[in-house]
Amino acid sequence: MVQAYILIQTEVGKAAAVANEIAGSPGIISAEDVTGPYDVIVRAEAENVDQLGKMVVAKIQNVEGITRTLTCPVVHL
């Protein structure tokens, strides 16, 4: 399994709605609205990097109100 944090910027006032919509999606461990340079932080998991990428592009980036995402895969050093 591959896990990643997905940092999301949203339109003004859309963070809570974006987090709520993403939270129910398959592969999403958590989705929370936060303060700072990003508005929502998601923890996600998938079978491999390709599936993780497809999840981000096909599902997460299509949520209305998202303006930018940054995917940070978890590494175990």
C-alpha atoms as a PDB file:
ATOM      1  CA  MET A   1       0.000   0.000   0.000  1.00  0.00           C
ATOM      2  CA  VAL A   2       1.071   3.564  -0.745  1.00  0.00           C
ATOM      3  CA  GLN A   3      -0.092   6.420   1.468  1.00  0.00           C
ATOM      4  CA  ALA A   4       0.113  10.146   0.843  1.00  0.00           C
ATOM      5  CA  TYR A   5      -0.886  13.496   2.241  1.00  0.00           C
ATOM      6  CA  ILE A   6      -2.694  15.642  -0.291  1.00  0.00           C
ATOM      7  CA  LEU A   7      -2.515  19.364   0.455  1.00  0.00           C
ATOM      8  CA  ILE A   8      -5.405  21.260  -1.068  1.00  0.00           C
ATOM      9  CA  GLN A   9      -6.070  24.933  -1.725  1.00  0.00           C
ATOM     10  CA  THR A  10      -9.712  25.903  -2.232  1.00  0.00           C
ATOM     11  CA  GLU A  11     -11.768  28.875  -3.237  1.00  0.00           C
ATOM     12  CA  VAL A  12     -12.567  31.200  -0.334  1.00  0.00           C
ATOM     13  CA  GLY A  13     -15.206  29.696   1.942  1.00  0.00           C
ATOM     14  CA  LYS A  14     -15.157  26.232   0.322  1.00  0.00           C
ATOM     15  CA  ALA A  15     -12.760  24.334   2.626  1.00  0.00           C
ATOM     16  CA  ALA A  16     -15.389  22.642   4.814  1.00  0.00           C
ATOM     17  CA  ALA A  17     -17.509  21.563   1.840  1.00  0.00           C
ATOM     18  CA  VAL A  18     -14.460  20.190  -0.001  1.00  0.00           C
ATOM     19  CA  ALA A  19     -13.272  18.239   3.065  1.00  0.00           C
ATOM     20  CA  ASN A  20     -16.754  16.791   3.615  1.00  0.00           C
ATOM     21  CA  GLU A  21     -17.125  15.697  -0.005  1.00  0.00           C
ATOM     22  CA  ILE A  22     -13.693  14.058  -0.142  1.00  0.00           C
ATOM     23  CA  ALA A  23     -14.042  12.343   3.260  1.00  0.00           C
ATOM     24  CA  GLY A  24     -16.533   9.770   1.984  1.00  0.00           C
ATOM     25  CA  SER A  25     -14.478   8.633  -1.003  1.00  0.00           C
ATOM     26  CA  PRO A  26     -12.854   5.182  -1.210  1.00  0.00           C
ATOM     27  CA  GLY A  27      -9.166   5.239  -0.273  1.00  0.00           C
ATOM     28  CA  ILE A  28      -9.479   8.339   1.905  1.00  0.00           C
ATOM     29  CA  ILE A  29      -8.248   7.828   5.465  1.00  0.00           C
ATOM     30  CA  SER A  30      -9.038  11.377   6.609  1.00  0.00           C
ATOM     31  CA  ALA A  31      -9.911  14.787   5.198  1.00  0.00           C
ATOM     32  CA  GLU A  32      -9.762  17.838   7.421  1.00  0.00           C
ATOM     33  CA  ASP A  33     -10.021  21.564   6.889  1.00  0.00           C
ATOM     34  CA  VAL A  34      -7.074  23.450   8.367  1.00  0.00           C
ATOM     35  CA  THR A  35      -5.627  26.956   8.563  1.00  0.00           C
ATOM     36  CA  GLY A  36      -2.452  28.107   6.866  1.00  0.00           C
ATOM     37  CA  PRO A  37      -1.301  28.106   3.243  1.00  0.00           C
ATOM     38  CA  TYR A  38      -3.487  25.055   2.517  1.00  0.00           C
ATOM     39  CA  ASP A  39      -7.184  24.768   3.309  1.00  0.00           C
ATOM     40  CA  VAL A  40      -7.667  20.987   3.441  1.00  0.00           C
ATOM     41  CA  ILE A  41      -5.267  18.146   4.204  1.00  0.00           C
ATOM     42  CA  VAL A  42      -6.214  14.643   3.083  1.00  0.00           C
ATOM     43  CA  ARG A  43      -4.546  11.356   4.002  1.00  0.00           C
ATOM     44  CA  ALA A  44      -5.135   8.756   1.307  1.00  0.00           C
ATOM     45  CA  GLU A  45      -3.992   5.247   0.471  1.00  0.00           C
ATOM     46  CA  ALA A  46      -3.942   3.135  -2.668  1.00  0.00           C
ATOM     47  CA  GLU A  47      -2.481  -0.165  -3.867  1.00  0.00           C
ATOM     48  CA  ASN A  48       0.320   1.562  -5.802  1.00  0.00           C
ATOM     49  CA  VAL A  49       1.543   4.959  -7.011  1.00  0.00           C
ATOM     50  CA  ASP A  50      -0.392   4.701 -10.284  1.00  0.00           C
ATOM     51  CA  GLN A  51      -3.689   4.167  -8.455  1.00  0.00           C
ATOM     52  CA  LEU A  52      -2.861   7.006  -6.087  1.00  0.00           C
ATOM     53  CA  GLY A  53      -2.270   9.317  -9.047  1.00  0.00           C
ATOM     54  CA  LYS A  54      -5.537   8.257 -10.667  1.00  0.00           C
ATOM     55  CA  MET A  55      -7.379   8.920  -7.402  1.00  0.00           C
ATOM     56  CA  VAL A  56      -5.948  12.433  -7.173  1.00  0.00           C
ATOM     57  CA  VAL A  57      -6.569  13.361 -10.805  1.00  0.00           C
ATOM     58  CA  ALA A  58      -9.911  11.629 -11.412  1.00  0.00           C
ATOM     59  CA  LYS A  59     -11.600  12.046  -8.039  1.00  0.00           C
ATOM     60  CA  ILE A  60     -10.045  14.677  -5.812  1.00  0.00           C
ATOM     61  CA  GLN A  61      -9.159  17.333  -8.402  1.00  0.00           C
ATOM     62  CA  ASN A  62     -12.697  17.155  -9.825  1.00  0.00           C
ATOM     63  CA  VAL A  63     -14.287  18.311  -6.566  1.00  0.00           C
ATOM     64  CA  GLU A  64     -15.853  21.732  -7.042  1.00  0.00           C
ATOM     65  CA  GLY A  65     -14.019  24.490  -5.193  1.00  0.00           C
ATOM     66  CA  ILE A  66     -10.491  23.056  -5.413  1.00  0.00           C
ATOM     67  CA  THR A  67      -7.943  25.351  -7.024  1.00  0.00           C
ATOM     68  CA  ARG A  68      -4.678  23.432  -6.450  1.00  0.00           C
ATOM     69  CA  THR A  69      -3.363  20.177  -4.975  1.00  0.00           C
ATOM     70  CA  LEU A  70       0.057  18.979  -3.848  1.00  0.00           C
ATOM     71  CA  THR A  71       0.558  15.245  -3.277  1.00  0.00           C
ATOM     72  CA  CYS A  72       3.185  14.202  -0.718  1.00  0.00           C
ATOM     73  CA  PRO A  73       3.755  10.414  -0.661  1.00  0.00           C
ATOM     74  CA  VAL A  74       4.665   8.923   2.713  1.00  0.00           C
ATOM     75  CA  VAL A  75       8.140   7.341   2.810  1.00  0.00           C
ATOM     76  CA  HIS A  76       9.585   5.022   5.440  1.00  0.00           C
ATOM     77  CA  LEU A  77      13.297   5.748   5.845  1.00  0.00           C
END
